[in-house]
PDB file of N, CA and C in Angstrom:
ATOM      1  N   MET A   1      84.180  -9.123 -10.884  1.00  0.00           N
ATOM      2  CA  MET A   1      84.003  -9.590 -12.180  1.00  0.00           C
ATOM      3  C   MET A   1      82.788  -9.169 -12.910  1.00  0.00           C
ATOM      4  N   THR A   2      82.575  -8.576 -13.901  1.00  0.00           N
ATOM      5  CA  THR A   2      81.355  -8.110 -14.458  1.00  0.00           C
ATOM      6  C   THR A   2      80.469  -9.231 -14.830  1.00  0.00           C
ATOM      7  N   GLN A   3      79.224  -9.068 -14.602  1.00  0.00           N
ATOM      8  CA  GLN A   3      78.199 -10.079 -15.030  1.00  0.00           C
ATOM      9  C   GLN A   3      78.112 -10.126 -16.628  1.00  0.00           C
ATOM     10  N   SER A   4      77.883 -11.205 -17.115  1.00  0.00           N
ATOM     11  CA  SER A   4      77.766 -11.198 -18.701  1.00  0.00           C
ATOM     12  C   SER A   4      76.371 -10.686 -18.756  1.00  0.00           C
ATOM     13  N   PRO A   5      76.056  -9.878 -19.856  1.00  0.00           N
ATOM     14  CA  PRO A   5      74.786  -9.313 -20.235  1.00  0.00           C
ATOM     15  C   PRO A   5      73.898 -10.076 -20.909  1.00  0.00           C
ATOM     16  N   HIS A   6      74.337 -11.415 -21.363  1.00  0.00           N
ATOM     17  CA  HIS A   6      73.662 -12.331 -22.099  1.00  0.00           C
ATOM     18  C   HIS A   6      72.120 -12.527 -21.668  1.00  0.00           C
ATOM     19  N   LEU A   7      72.056 -12.906 -20.326  1.00  0.00           N
ATOM     20  CA  LEU A   7      70.702 -13.165 -19.811  1.00  0.00           C
ATOM     21  C   LEU A   7      69.689 -11.888 -19.747  1.00  0.00           C
ATOM     22  N   ALA A   8      70.577 -10.731 -19.448  1.00  0.00           N
ATOM     23  CA  ALA A   8      69.756  -9.484 -19.330  1.00  0.00           C
ATOM     24  C   ALA A   8      69.287  -9.114 -20.711  1.00  0.00           C
ATOM     25  N   PHE A   9      69.954  -9.300 -21.801  1.00  0.00           N
ATOM     26  CA  PHE A   9      69.652  -9.049 -23.116  1.00  0.00           C
ATOM     27  C   PHE A   9      68.508  -9.985 -23.596  1.00  0.00           C
ATOM     28  N   ARG A  10      68.610 -11.276 -23.165  1.00  0.00           N
ATOM     29  CA  ARG A  10      67.610 -12.250 -23.339  1.00  0.00           C
ATOM     30  C   ARG A  10      66.227 -11.736 -22.995  1.00  0.00           C
ATOM     31  N   ALA A  11      66.361 -11.339 -21.522  1.00  0.00           N
ATOM     32  CA  ALA A  11      65.152 -10.996 -21.000  1.00  0.00           C
ATOM     33  C   ALA A  11      64.470  -9.719 -21.589  1.00  0.00           C
ATOM     34  N   LEU A  12      65.377  -8.749 -21.868  1.00  0.00           N
ATOM     35  CA  LEU A  12      64.850  -7.555 -22.423  1.00  0.00           C
ATOM     36  C   LEU A  12      64.337  -7.655 -23.894  1.00  0.00           C
ATOM     37  N   ALA A  13      64.576  -8.776 -24.665  1.00  0.00           N
ATOM     38  CA  ALA A  13      64.245  -8.996 -25.846  1.00  0.00           C
ATOM     39  C   ALA A  13      62.760  -9.032 -26.111  1.00  0.00           C
ATOM     40  N   ASP A  14      62.097  -9.337 -25.012  1.00  0.00           N
ATOM     41  CA  ASP A  14      60.560  -9.499 -25.124  1.00  0.00           C
ATOM     42  C   ASP A  14      59.819  -8.278 -24.709  1.00  0.00           C
ATOM     43  N   PRO A  15      58.882  -7.770 -25.491  1.00  0.00           N
ATOM     44  CA  PRO A  15      58.071  -6.553 -25.262  1.00  0.00           C
ATOM     45  C   PRO A  15      57.344  -6.625 -23.927  1.00  0.00           C
ATOM     46  N   THR A  16      56.780  -7.873 -23.695  1.00  0.00           N
ATOM     47  CA  THR A  16      56.001  -7.983 -22.414  1.00  0.00           C
ATOM     48  C   THR A  16      56.847  -7.845 -21.267  1.00  0.00           C
ATOM     49  N   ARG A  17      58.113  -8.402 -21.290  1.00  0.00           N
ATOM     50  CA  ARG A  17      59.078  -8.285 -20.075  1.00  0.00           C
ATOM     51  C   ARG A  17      59.452  -6.792 -20.000  1.00  0.00           C
ATOM     52  N   ARG A  18      59.590  -6.200 -21.144  1.00  0.00           N
ATOM     53  CA  ARG A  18      60.018  -4.699 -20.993  1.00  0.00           C
ATOM     54  C   ARG A  18      58.904  -3.953 -20.311  1.00  0.00           C
ATOM     55  N   GLU A  19      57.674  -4.264 -20.618  1.00  0.00           N
ATOM     56  CA  GLU A  19      56.544  -3.545 -20.119  1.00  0.00           C
ATOM     57  C   GLU A  19      56.367  -3.932 -18.542  1.00  0.00           C
ATOM     58  N   ILE A  20      56.628  -5.211 -18.160  1.00  0.00           N
ATOM     59  CA  ILE A  20      56.669  -5.499 -16.797  1.00  0.00           C
ATOM     60  C   ILE A  20      57.638  -4.779 -16.004  1.00  0.00           C
ATOM     61  N   MET A  21      58.836  -4.460 -16.685  1.00  0.00           N
ATOM     62  CA  MET A  21      59.862  -3.687 -15.941  1.00  0.00           C
ATOM     63  C   MET A  21      59.396  -2.224 -15.847  1.00  0.00           C
ATOM     64  N   ARG A  22      58.767  -1.735 -16.823  1.00  0.00           N
ATOM     65  CA  ARG A  22      58.175  -0.224 -16.772  1.00  0.00           C
ATOM     66  C   ARG A  22      57.122  -0.315 -15.579  1.00  0.00           C
ATOM     67  N   LEU A  23      56.273  -1.292 -15.507  1.00  0.00           N
ATOM     68  CA  LEU A  23      55.389  -1.361 -14.353  1.00  0.00           C
ATOM     69  C   LEU A  23      56.087  -1.307 -13.050  1.00  0.00           C
ATOM     70  N   LEU A  24      57.200  -1.967 -12.823  1.00  0.00           N
ATOM     71  CA  LEU A  24      58.003  -2.093 -11.706  1.00  0.00           C
ATOM     72  C   LEU A  24      58.593  -0.830 -11.218  1.00  0.00           C
ATOM     73  N   THR A  25      58.848   0.191 -12.298  1.00  0.00           N
ATOM     74  CA  THR A  25      59.380   1.301 -11.937  1.00  0.00           C
ATOM     75  C   THR A  25      58.307   2.159 -11.066  1.00  0.00           C
ATOM     76  N   GLU A  26      57.130   1.810 -11.131  1.00  0.00           N
ATOM     77  CA  GLU A  26      56.028   2.575 -10.380  1.00  0.00           C
ATOM     78  C   GLU A  26      55.899   2.052  -9.073  1.00  0.00           C
ATOM     79  N   GLN A  27      55.930   0.717  -8.896  1.00  0.00           N
ATOM     80  CA  GLN A  27      55.853   0.103  -7.591  1.00  0.00           C
ATOM     81  C   GLN A  27      56.197  -1.411  -7.662  1.00  0.00           C
ATOM     82  N   ASP A  28      56.533  -1.962  -6.378  1.00  0.00           N
ATOM     83  CA  ASP A  28      56.727  -3.293  -6.326  1.00  0.00           C
ATOM     84  C   ASP A  28      55.405  -4.020  -6.392  1.00  0.00           C
ATOM     85  N   MET A  29      55.401  -5.287  -7.203  1.00  0.00           N
ATOM     86  CA  MET A  29      54.095  -5.845  -7.370  1.00  0.00           C
ATOM     87  C   MET A  29      54.312  -7.466  -7.205  1.00  0.00           C
ATOM     88  N   THR A  30      53.095  -8.006  -6.792  1.00  0.00           N
ATOM     89  CA  THR A  30      52.973  -9.509  -6.768  1.00  0.00           C
ATOM     90  C   THR A  30      52.714  -9.963  -8.053  1.00  0.00           C
ATOM     91  N   ILE A  31      52.771 -11.313  -8.320  1.00  0.00           N
ATOM     92  CA  ILE A  31      52.421 -12.065  -9.602  1.00  0.00           C
ATOM     93  C   ILE A  31      50.962 -11.594  -9.799  1.00  0.00           C
ATOM     94  N   ALA A  32      50.097 -11.706  -8.921  1.00  0.00           N
ATOM     95  CA  ALA A  32      48.719 -11.320  -9.189  1.00  0.00           C
ATOM     96  C   ALA A  32      48.614 -10.001  -9.729  1.00  0.00           C
ATOM     97  N   GLN A  33      49.212  -8.967  -9.110  1.00  0.00           N
ATOM     98  CA  GLN A  33      49.107  -7.603  -9.599  1.00  0.00           C
ATOM     99  C   GLN A  33      49.594  -7.487 -11.006  1.00  0.00           C
ATOM    100  N   VAL A  34      50.771  -8.085 -11.286  1.00  0.00           N
ATOM    101  CA  VAL A  34      51.348  -8.045 -12.685  1.00  0.00           C
ATOM    102  C   VAL A  34      50.385  -8.814 -13.684  1.00  0.00           C
ATOM    103  N   SER A  35      49.798  -9.800 -13.262  1.00  0.00           N
ATOM    104  CA  SER A  35      48.951 -10.545 -13.928  1.00  0.00           C
ATOM    105  C   SER A  35      47.611  -9.678 -14.502  1.00  0.00           C
ATOM    106  N   ASP A  36      47.260  -8.965 -13.554  1.00  0.00           N
ATOM    107  CA  ASP A  36      46.083  -7.975 -13.725  1.00  0.00           C
ATOM    108  C   ASP A  36      46.381  -7.063 -14.962  1.00  0.00           C
ATOM    109  N   GLN A  37      47.559  -6.856 -15.190  1.00  0.00           N
ATOM    110  CA  GLN A  37      47.886  -5.825 -16.125  1.00  0.00           C
ATOM    111  C   GLN A  37      48.019  -6.406 -17.577  1.00  0.00           C
ATOM    112  N   PHE A  38      47.955  -7.623 -17.825  1.00  0.00           N
ATOM    113  CA  PHE A  38      48.065  -8.537 -18.996  1.00  0.00           C
ATOM    114  C   PHE A  38      47.025  -9.488 -19.199  1.00  0.00           C
ATOM    115  N   ASP A  39      46.773  -9.780 -20.537  1.00  0.00           N
ATOM    116  CA  ASP A  39      45.904 -10.755 -20.877  1.00  0.00           C
ATOM    117  C   ASP A  39      46.557 -12.165 -20.971  1.00  0.00           C
ATOM    118  N   MET A  40      46.998 -12.706 -19.777  1.00  0.00           N
ATOM    119  CA  MET A  40      47.720 -13.957 -19.935  1.00  0.00           C
ATOM    120  C   MET A  40      47.505 -14.559 -18.474  1.00  0.00           C
ATOM    121  N   THR A  41      47.744 -15.947 -18.428  1.00  0.00           N
ATOM    122  CA  THR A  41      47.727 -16.550 -17.087  1.00  0.00           C
ATOM    123  C   THR A  41      48.722 -16.061 -16.193  1.00  0.00           C
ATOM    124  N   ARG A  42      48.588 -16.449 -14.921  1.00  0.00           N
ATOM    125  CA  ARG A  42      49.643 -16.165 -13.910  1.00  0.00           C
ATOM    126  C   ARG A  42      50.840 -16.968 -14.148  1.00  0.00           C
ATOM    127  N   ALA A  43      50.664 -18.168 -14.738  1.00  0.00           N
ATOM    128  CA  ALA A  43      51.825 -19.147 -15.042  1.00  0.00           C
ATOM    129  C   ALA A  43      52.713 -18.393 -16.110  1.00  0.00           C
ATOM    130  N   ALA A  44      51.952 -17.839 -17.186  1.00  0.00           N
ATOM    131  CA  ALA A  44      52.761 -17.228 -18.190  1.00  0.00           C
ATOM    132  C   ALA A  44      53.471 -15.832 -17.602  1.00  0.00           C
ATOM    133  N   VAL A  45      52.837 -15.277 -16.730  1.00  0.00           N
ATOM    134  CA  VAL A  45      53.459 -13.997 -16.152  1.00  0.00           C
ATOM    135  C   VAL A  45      54.654 -14.593 -15.309  1.00  0.00           C
ATOM    136  N   LYS A  46      54.397 -15.608 -14.565  1.00  0.00           N
ATOM    137  CA  LYS A  46      55.570 -16.195 -13.651  1.00  0.00           C
ATOM    138  C   LYS A  46      56.842 -16.557 -14.444  1.00  0.00           C
ATOM    139  N   LYS A  47      56.632 -17.083 -15.779  1.00  0.00           N
ATOM    140  CA  LYS A  47      57.761 -17.323 -16.690  1.00  0.00           C
ATOM    141  C   LYS A  47      58.406 -16.054 -17.059  1.00  0.00           C
ATOM    142  N   HIS A  48      57.717 -14.918 -17.330  1.00  0.00           N
ATOM    143  CA  HIS A  48      58.371 -13.804 -17.596  1.00  0.00           C
ATOM    144  C   HIS A  48      59.113 -13.210 -16.535  1.00  0.00           C
ATOM    145  N   LEU A  49      58.531 -13.263 -15.266  1.00  0.00           N
ATOM    146  CA  LEU A  49      59.245 -12.838 -13.974  1.00  0.00           C
ATOM    147  C   LEU A  49      60.393 -13.644 -13.828  1.00  0.00           C
ATOM    148  N   THR A  50      60.420 -14.920 -14.129  1.00  0.00           N
ATOM    149  CA  THR A  50      61.670 -15.732 -13.862  1.00  0.00           C
ATOM    150  C   THR A  50      62.792 -15.411 -14.765  1.00  0.00           C
ATOM    151  N   MET A  51      62.389 -15.083 -16.062  1.00  0.00           N
ATOM    152  CA  MET A  51      63.286 -14.688 -17.173  1.00  0.00           C
ATOM    153  C   MET A  51      63.945 -13.296 -16.662  1.00  0.00           C
ATOM    154  N   LEU A  52      63.167 -12.388 -16.193  1.00  0.00           N
ATOM    155  CA  LEU A  52      63.778 -10.984 -15.637  1.00  0.00           C
ATOM    156  C   LEU A  52      64.720 -11.258 -14.314  1.00  0.00           C
ATOM    157  N   SER A  53      64.228 -12.218 -13.514  1.00  0.00           N
ATOM    158  CA  SER A  53      65.044 -12.334 -12.360  1.00  0.00           C
ATOM    159  C   SER A  53      66.363 -13.131 -12.944  1.00  0.00           C
ATOM    160  N   ASP A  54      66.204 -14.202 -13.836  1.00  0.00           N
ATOM    161  CA  ASP A  54      67.536 -14.874 -14.308  1.00  0.00           C
ATOM    162  C   ASP A  54      68.528 -13.747 -14.793  1.00  0.00           C
ATOM    163  N   GLY A  55      67.909 -12.820 -15.582  1.00  0.00           N
ATOM    164  CA  GLY A  55      68.775 -11.710 -16.248  1.00  0.00           C
ATOM    165  C   GLY A  55      69.296 -10.562 -15.119  1.00  0.00           C
ATOM    166  N   GLY A  56      68.889 -10.897 -13.792  1.00  0.00           N
ATOM    167  CA  GLY A  56      69.337  -9.828 -12.776  1.00  0.00           C
ATOM    168  C   GLY A  56      68.511  -8.478 -12.830  1.00  0.00           C
ATOM    169  N   LEU A  57      67.436  -8.405 -13.558  1.00  0.00           N
ATOM    170  CA  LEU A  57      66.645  -7.148 -13.816  1.00  0.00           C
ATOM    171  C   LEU A  57      65.630  -7.013 -12.772  1.00  0.00           C
ATOM    172  N   ILE A  58      65.225  -7.991 -12.111  1.00  0.00           N
ATOM    173  CA  ILE A  58      64.344  -7.778 -10.890  1.00  0.00           C
ATOM    174  C   ILE A  58      64.805  -8.733  -9.752  1.00  0.00           C
ATOM    175  N   THR A  59      64.283  -8.371  -8.675  1.00  0.00           N
ATOM    176  CA  THR A  59      64.557  -9.275  -7.407  1.00  0.00           C
ATOM    177  C   THR A  59      63.235  -9.555  -6.843  1.00  0.00           C
ATOM    178  N   THR A  60      63.054 -10.566  -6.166  1.00  0.00           N
ATOM    179  CA  THR A  60      61.784 -11.111  -5.411  1.00  0.00           C
ATOM    180  C   THR A  60      62.016 -11.206  -4.073  1.00  0.00           C
ATOM    181  N   GLU A  61      61.133 -10.548  -3.318  1.00  0.00           N
ATOM    182  CA  GLU A  61      61.190 -10.679  -1.791  1.00  0.00           C
ATOM    183  C   GLU A  61      59.974 -11.355  -1.288  1.00  0.00           C
ATOM    184  N   VAL A  62      60.059 -12.349  -0.398  1.00  0.00           N
ATOM    185  CA  VAL A  62      59.092 -13.171   0.218  1.00  0.00           C
ATOM    186  C   VAL A  62      58.646 -12.280   1.291  1.00  0.00           C
ATOM    187  N   ARG A  63      57.281 -11.932   1.341  1.00  0.00           N
ATOM    188  CA  ARG A  63      56.648 -11.368   2.652  1.00  0.00           C
ATOM    189  C   ARG A  63      55.424 -12.035   2.856  1.00  0.00           C
ATOM    190  N   GLY A  64      55.690 -12.930   3.837  1.00  0.00           N
ATOM    191  CA  GLY A  64      54.461 -13.756   4.308  1.00  0.00           C
ATOM    192  C   GLY A  64      54.176 -14.795   3.022  1.00  0.00           C
ATOM    193  N   ARG A  65      52.973 -14.790   2.699  1.00  0.00           N
ATOM    194  CA  ARG A  65      52.579 -15.566   1.697  1.00  0.00           C
ATOM    195  C   ARG A  65      52.847 -15.027   0.193  1.00  0.00           C
ATOM    196  N   GLU A  66      53.175 -13.736   0.245  1.00  0.00           N
ATOM    197  CA  GLU A  66      53.333 -13.131  -1.057  1.00  0.00           C
ATOM    198  C   GLU A  66      54.809 -12.883  -1.436  1.00  0.00           C
ATOM    199  N   ARG A  67      54.958 -12.866  -2.744  1.00  0.00           N
ATOM    200  CA  ARG A  67      56.274 -12.624  -3.407  1.00  0.00           C
ATOM    201  C   ARG A  67      56.235 -11.399  -4.056  1.00  0.00           C
ATOM    202  N   LEU A  68      56.990 -10.431  -3.615  1.00  0.00           N
ATOM    203  CA  LEU A  68      56.922  -9.042  -4.277  1.00  0.00           C
ATOM    204  C   LEU A  68      58.118  -8.831  -5.216  1.00  0.00           C
ATOM    205  N   ASN A  69      57.865  -8.654  -6.439  1.00  0.00           N
ATOM    206  CA  ASN A  69      58.773  -8.380  -7.334  1.00  0.00           C
ATOM    207  C   ASN A  69      59.203  -6.830  -7.570  1.00  0.00           C
ATOM    208  N   ARG A  70      60.565  -6.710  -7.615  1.00  0.00           N
ATOM    209  CA  ARG A  70      61.034  -5.317  -7.353  1.00  0.00           C
ATOM    210  C   ARG A  70      62.067  -5.245  -8.579  1.00  0.00           C
ATOM    211  N   LEU A  71      62.000  -3.983  -9.188  1.00  0.00           N
ATOM    212  CA  LEU A  71      63.069  -3.734 -10.296  1.00  0.00           C
ATOM    213  C   LEU A  71      64.398  -3.532  -9.747  1.00  0.00           C
ATOM    214  N   ASN A  72      65.273  -4.138 -10.410  1.00  0.00           N
ATOM    215  CA  ASN A  72      66.660  -4.080  -9.922  1.00  0.00           C
ATOM    216  C   ASN A  72      67.603  -3.273 -10.880  1.00  0.00           C
ATOM    217  N   PRO A  73      67.507  -1.977 -10.735  1.00  0.00           N
ATOM    218  CA  PRO A  73      68.390  -1.076 -11.663  1.00  0.00           C
ATOM    219  C   PRO A  73      69.790  -1.521 -11.893  1.00  0.00           C
ATOM    220  N   ALA A  74      70.385  -1.882 -10.942  1.00  0.00           N
ATOM    221  CA  ALA A  74      71.795  -2.293 -11.064  1.00  0.00           C
ATOM    222  C   ALA A  74      71.993  -3.504 -11.905  1.00  0.00           C
ATOM    223  N   GLY A  75      70.884  -4.271 -12.260  1.00  0.00           N
ATOM    224  CA  GLY A  75      70.866  -5.406 -13.126  1.00  0.00           C
ATOM    225  C   GLY A  75      71.140  -4.953 -14.615  1.00  0.00           C
ATOM    226  N   LEU A  76      70.810  -3.696 -14.854  1.00  0.00           N
ATOM    227  CA  LEU A  76      71.170  -3.023 -16.204  1.00  0.00           C
ATOM    228  C   LEU A  76      72.592  -2.680 -16.337  1.00  0.00           C
ATOM    229  N   ALA A  77      73.413  -2.714 -15.354  1.00  0.00           N
ATOM    230  CA  ALA A  77      74.770  -2.232 -15.515  1.00  0.00           C
ATOM    231  C   ALA A  77      75.478  -2.985 -16.483  1.00  0.00           C
ATOM    232  N   PRO A  78      75.454  -4.355 -16.566  1.00  0.00           N
ATOM    233  CA  PRO A  78      76.222  -5.177 -17.486  1.00  0.00           C
ATOM    234  C   PRO A  78      75.856  -4.768 -19.011  1.00  0.00           C
ATOM    235  N   VAL A  79      74.519  -4.444 -19.217  1.00  0.00           N
ATOM    236  CA  VAL A  79      73.973  -3.978 -20.553  1.00  0.00           C
ATOM    237  C   VAL A  79      74.741  -2.714 -20.847  1.00  0.00           C
ATOM    238  N   PHE A  80      74.645  -1.634 -19.919  1.00  0.00           N
ATOM    239  CA  PHE A  80      75.232  -0.454 -20.199  1.00  0.00           C
ATOM    240  C   PHE A  80      76.835  -0.480 -20.398  1.00  0.00           C
ATOM    241  N   ASP A  81      77.411  -1.396 -19.616  1.00  0.00           N
ATOM    242  CA  ASP A  81      78.883  -1.627 -19.802  1.00  0.00           C
ATOM    243  C   ASP A  81      79.136  -2.147 -21.285  1.00  0.00           C
ATOM    244  N   TRP A  82      78.315  -3.122 -21.772  1.00  0.00           N
ATOM    245  CA  TRP A  82      78.487  -3.674 -23.012  1.00  0.00           C
ATOM    246  C   TRP A  82      78.194  -2.665 -24.028  1.00  0.00           C
ATOM    247  N   LEU A  83      77.126  -1.819 -24.059  1.00  0.00           N
ATOM    248  CA  LEU A  83      76.870  -0.861 -24.899  1.00  0.00           C
ATOM    249  C   LEU A  83      77.770   0.308 -24.809  1.00  0.00           C
ATOM    250  N   SER A  84      78.471   0.644 -23.760  1.00  0.00           N
ATOM    251  CA  SER A  84      79.428   1.738 -23.728  1.00  0.00           C
ATOM    252  C   SER A  84      80.683   1.520 -24.449  1.00  0.00           C
ATOM    253  N   PHE A  85      81.055   0.164 -24.574  1.00  0.00           N
ATOM    254  CA  PHE A  85      82.051  -0.180 -25.485  1.00  0.00           C
ATOM    255  C   PHE A  85      81.891   0.378 -26.892  1.00  0.00           C
ATOM    256  N   PHE A  86      80.545   0.185 -27.421  1.00  0.00           N
ATOM    257  CA  PHE A  86      80.348   0.493 -28.897  1.00  0.00           C
ATOM    258  C   PHE A  86      80.097   1.961 -29.081  1.00  0.00           C
ATOM    259  N   ASP A  87      79.683   2.553 -27.748  1.00  0.00           N
ATOM    260  CA  ASP A  87      79.541   4.019 -27.802  1.00  0.00           C
ATOM    261  C   ASP A  87      80.940   4.639 -28.022  1.00  0.00           C
ATOM    262  N   ARG A  88      81.928   4.237 -27.322  1.00  0.00           N
ATOM    263  CA  ARG A  88      83.285   4.732 -27.475  1.00  0.00           C
ATOM    264  C   ARG A  88      83.842   4.444 -28.631  1.00  0.00           C
ATOM    265  N   PHE A  89      83.541   3.175 -29.295  1.00  0.00           N
ATOM    266  CA  PHE A  89      84.049   2.729 -30.621  1.00  0.00           C
ATOM    267  C   PHE A  89      83.504   3.724 -31.743  1.00  0.00           C
ATOM    268  N   TRP A  90      82.313   3.993 -31.837  1.00  0.00           N
ATOM    269  CA  TRP A  90      81.701   4.890 -32.730  1.00  0.00           C
ATOM    270  C   TRP A  90      82.178   6.260 -32.533  1.00  0.00           C
ATOM    271  N   ASP A  91      82.371   6.671 -31.358  1.00  0.00           N
ATOM    272  CA  ASP A  91      82.776   8.236 -31.062  1.00  0.00           C
ATOM    273  C   ASP A  91      84.218   8.183 -31.725  1.00  0.00           C
ATOM    274  N   ALA A  92      85.040   7.317 -31.487  1.00  0.00           N
ATOM    275  CA  ALA A  92      86.409   7.313 -32.001  1.00  0.00           C
ATOM    276  C   ALA A  92      86.277   7.396 -33.540  1.00  0.00           C
ATOM    277  N   ARG A  93      85.559   6.519 -34.142  1.00  0.00           N
ATOM    278  CA  ARG A  93      85.423   6.300 -35.593  1.00  0.00           C
ATOM    279  C   ARG A  93      84.866   7.585 -36.099  1.00  0.00           C
ATOM    280  N   LEU A  94      83.820   8.225 -35.628  1.00  0.00           N
ATOM    281  CA  LEU A  94      83.340   9.408 -36.044  1.00  0.00           C
ATOM    282  C   LEU A  94      84.275  10.751 -35.982  1.00  0.00           C
ATOM    283  N   ASN A  95      84.985  10.666 -34.813  1.00  0.00           N
ATOM    284  CA  ASN A  95      85.978  11.716 -34.629  1.00  0.00           C
ATOM    285  C   ASN A  95      87.165  11.536 -35.874  1.00  0.00           C
ATOM    286  N   ASP A  96      87.561  10.301 -36.171  1.00  0.00           N
ATOM    287  CA  ASP A  96      88.510  10.120 -37.116  1.00  0.00           C
ATOM    288  C   ASP A  96      88.020  10.532 -38.496  1.00  0.00           C
ATOM    289  N   LEU A  97      86.626  10.252 -38.743  1.00  0.00           N
ATOM    290  CA  LEU A  97      86.026  10.728 -39.987  1.00  0.00           C
ATOM    291  C   LEU A  97      85.897  12.234 -40.020  1.00  0.00           C
ATOM    292  N   LYS A  98      85.554  12.879 -39.054  1.00  0.00           N
ATOM    293  CA  LYS A  98      85.485  14.230 -38.899  1.00  0.00           C
ATOM    294  C   LYS A  98      86.962  14.976 -39.154  1.00  0.00           C
ATOM    295  N   THR A  99      87.887  14.417 -38.526  1.00  0.00           N
ATOM    296  CA  THR A  99      89.341  14.942 -38.804  1.00  0.00           C
ATOM    297  C   THR A  99      89.660  14.851 -40.294  1.00  0.00           C
ATOM    298  N   ALA A 100      89.311  13.572 -40.821  1.00  0.00           N
ATOM    299  CA  ALA A 100      89.692  13.308 -42.270  1.00  0.00           C
ATOM    300  C   ALA A 100      88.930  14.342 -43.214  1.00  0.00           C
ATOM    301  N   ILE A 101      87.757  14.592 -42.892  1.00  0.00           N
ATOM    302  CA  ILE A 101      87.036  15.489 -43.702  1.00  0.00           C
ATOM    303  C   ILE A 101      87.454  16.783 -43.643  1.00  0.00           C
ATOM    304  N   GLU A 102      87.729  17.274 -42.423  1.00  0.00           N
ATOM    305  CA  GLU A 102      88.241  18.479 -42.163  1.00  0.00           C
ATOM    306  C   GLU A 102      89.585  18.746 -42.772  1.00  0.00           C
ATOM    307  N   GLY A 103      90.374  17.785 -42.723  1.00  0.00           N
ATOM    308  CA  GLY A 103      91.664  17.892 -43.493  1.00  0.00           C
ATOM    309  C   GLY A 103      91.563  17.939 -44.901  1.00  0.00           C
ATOM    310  N   GLU A 104      90.564  17.325 -45.534  1.00  0.00           N
ATOM    311  CA  GLU A 104      90.429  17.351 -46.903  1.00  0.00           C
ATOM    312  C   GLU A 104      89.905  18.886 -47.416  1.00  0.00           C
ATOM    313  N   SER A 105      89.057  19.400 -46.459  1.00  0.00           N
ATOM    314  CA  SER A 105      88.539  20.801 -46.850  1.00  0.00           C
ATOM    315  C   SER A 105      89.601  21.870 -46.667  1.00  0.00           C
ATOM    316  N   ASP A 106      90.760  21.467 -46.005  1.00  0.00           N
ATOM    317  CA  ASP A 106      91.884  22.467 -45.863  1.00  0.00           C
ATOM    318  C   ASP A 106      92.698  22.555 -47.097  1.00  0.00           C
ATOM    319  N   ASP A 107      92.641  21.445 -47.940  1.00  0.00           N
ATOM    320  CA  ASP A 107      93.391  21.361 -49.168  1.00  0.00           C
ATOM    321  C   ASP A 107      93.178  22.441 -50.269  1.00  0.00           C
TER     322      ASP A 107
END
């Protein structure tokens, strides 16, 4: 069963969370490392990381006393699936429009 993209979209709606995801493309990071990149408390960063985790966009691995946050690219699959429906929808509509316009020019 495909996961609903609702929580992923909710997580992606915030520019800070999108920036955190961008940072995690470069390396896995602890809360402290992520916090160092922003002018906000660790508690605020933790809330952002929780939203990303709830959306399936990141995973957290416990290593000793540290919790490493890692980008989960597969978490974007439900978003891509949802968007691909509209991609196909508009492709079909635009092809129909092209056919109609070309049909009118043949008259």
